[in-house]
C-alpha atoms as a PDB file:
ATOM      1  CA  UNK A   1      25.969 -27.607 -22.701  1.00  0.00           C
ATOM      2  CA  UNK A   2      23.937 -24.162 -25.078  1.00  0.00           C
ATOM      3  CA  UNK A   3      20.378 -23.182 -24.849  1.00  0.00           C
ATOM      4  CA  UNK A   4      18.851 -22.391 -28.039  1.00  0.00           C
ATOM      5  CA  UNK A   5      18.043 -18.701 -27.990  1.00  0.00           C
ATOM      6  CA  UNK A   6      14.292 -17.775 -27.442  1.00  0.00           C
ATOM      7  CA  UNK A   7      12.717 -16.296 -30.179  1.00  0.00           C
ATOM      8  CA  UNK A   8      10.777 -13.308 -29.566  1.00  0.00           C
ATOM      9  CA  UNK A   9       7.247 -12.072 -31.501  1.00  0.00           C
ATOM     10  CA  UNK A  10       6.967  -9.006 -32.827  1.00  0.00           C
ATOM     11  CA  UNK A  11       4.071  -8.209 -30.018  1.00  0.00           C
ATOM     12  CA  UNK A  12       6.834  -8.793 -27.310  1.00  0.00           C
ATOM     13  CA  UNK A  13       8.717  -6.104 -30.163  1.00  0.00           C
ATOM     14  CA  UNK A  14       5.770  -3.802 -30.025  1.00  0.00           C
ATOM     15  CA  UNK A  15       5.672  -4.108 -25.385  1.00  0.00           C
ATOM     16  CA  UNK A  16       9.850  -2.934 -25.833  1.00  0.00           C
ATOM     17  CA  UNK A  17       9.066  -0.281 -28.108  1.00  0.00           C
ATOM     18  CA  UNK A  18       5.841   1.034 -26.224  1.00  0.00           C
ATOM     19  CA  UNK A  19       8.058   0.756 -22.874  1.00  0.00           C
ATOM     20  CA  UNK A  20      10.611   2.278 -24.098  1.00  0.00           C
ATOM     21  CA  UNK A  21       8.730   5.424 -25.805  1.00  0.00           C
ATOM     22  CA  UNK A  22       7.424   5.791 -22.340  1.00  0.00           C
ATOM     23  CA  UNK A  23      10.868   5.659 -20.666  1.00  0.00           C
ATOM     24  CA  UNK A  24      10.307   3.250 -18.529  1.00  0.00           C
ATOM     25  CA  UNK A  25      12.136  -0.319 -18.556  1.00  0.00           C
ATOM     26  CA  UNK A  26      13.214  -2.489 -15.603  1.00  0.00           C
ATOM     27  CA  UNK A  27      16.545  -3.894 -15.830  1.00  0.00           C
ATOM     28  CA  UNK A  28      15.397  -7.537 -16.146  1.00  0.00           C
ATOM     29  CA  UNK A  29      12.381  -7.212 -19.071  1.00  0.00           C
ATOM     30  CA  UNK A  30      15.277  -4.812 -21.030  1.00  0.00           C
ATOM     31  CA  UNK A  31      18.100  -7.465 -20.361  1.00  0.00           C
ATOM     32  CA  UNK A  32      15.800 -10.164 -21.692  1.00  0.00           C
ATOM     33  CA  UNK A  33      14.562  -8.479 -24.659  1.00  0.00           C
ATOM     34  CA  UNK A  34      17.870  -7.365 -25.526  1.00  0.00           C
ATOM     35  CA  UNK A  35      18.938 -11.228 -26.120  1.00  0.00           C
ATOM     36  CA  UNK A  36      15.823 -12.221 -27.595  1.00  0.00           C
ATOM     37  CA  UNK A  37      14.681  -9.220 -29.840  1.00  0.00           C
ATOM     38  CA  UNK A  38      16.125  -9.362 -33.066  1.00  0.00           C
ATOM     39  CA  UNK A  39      17.341  -5.799 -34.876  1.00  0.00           C
ATOM     40  CA  UNK A  40      14.738  -5.902 -37.649  1.00  0.00           C
ATOM     41  CA  UNK A  41      11.743  -6.702 -35.338  1.00  0.00           C
ATOM     42  CA  UNK A  42      13.152  -2.920 -32.592  1.00  0.00           C
ATOM     43  CA  UNK A  43      13.314  -1.602 -35.543  1.00  0.00           C
ATOM     44  CA  UNK A  44       9.880  -2.497 -37.272  1.00  0.00           C
ATOM     45  CA  UNK A  45       7.814  -1.917 -33.691  1.00  0.00           C
ATOM     46  CA  UNK A  46       9.849   1.000 -33.524  1.00  0.00           C
ATOM     47  CA  UNK A  47       8.555   2.424 -37.281  1.00  0.00           C
ATOM     48  CA  UNK A  48       4.954   1.957 -36.428  1.00  0.00           C
ATOM     49  CA  UNK A  49       5.153   2.959 -33.439  1.00  0.00           C
ATOM     50  CA  UNK A  50       6.393   6.110 -34.353  1.00  0.00           C
ATOM     51  CA  UNK A  51       3.864   6.034 -37.362  1.00  0.00           C
ATOM     52  CA  UNK A  52       0.992   5.435 -34.754  1.00  0.00           C
ATOM     53  CA  UNK A  53       2.188   8.132 -32.275  1.00  0.00           C
ATOM     54  CA  UNK A  54       2.038  10.525 -35.304  1.00  0.00           C
ATOM     55  CA  UNK A  55      -0.558   9.950 -36.503  1.00  0.00           C
ATOM     56  CA  UNK A  56      -2.704   9.975 -33.457  1.00  0.00           C
ATOM     57  CA  UNK A  57      -1.161  13.549 -32.482  1.00  0.00           C
ATOM     58  CA  UNK A  58      -2.738  14.987 -36.015  1.00  0.00           C
ATOM     59  CA  UNK A  59      -6.296  12.958 -35.170  1.00  0.00           C
ATOM     60  CA  UNK A  60      -6.134  15.016 -31.614  1.00  0.00           C
ATOM     61  CA  UNK A  61      -4.864  18.460 -33.489  1.00  0.00           C
ATOM     62  CA  UNK A  62      -7.563  18.361 -35.813  1.00  0.00           C
ATOM     63  CA  UNK A  63     -10.066  17.486 -33.188  1.00  0.00           C
ATOM     64  CA  UNK A  64      -9.018  19.642 -31.315  1.00  0.00           C
ATOM     65  CA  UNK A  65      -9.113  22.285 -33.860  1.00  0.00           C
ATOM     66  CA  UNK A  66     -12.095  21.253 -35.494  1.00  0.00           C
ATOM     67  CA  UNK A  67     -13.859  22.323 -31.940  1.00  0.00           C
ATOM     68  CA  UNK A  68     -12.303  25.898 -31.851  1.00  0.00           C
ATOM     69  CA  UNK A  69     -13.536  27.159 -34.927  1.00  0.00           C
END
């Protein structure tokens, strides 16, 4: 009997990408994500995560530079 594949939400994809950015993943979670997540979900979440990371770093640098000048 084949089980219906569980669909992952974009929030689950974002969570998986976030933990992957940190380099911390439990094997069980990784295996579950590899079954549930579709490649486009990971790509979209990765691009959004990368954009947020870069913009956060730019904001942090501007705040630090602004305080020093």
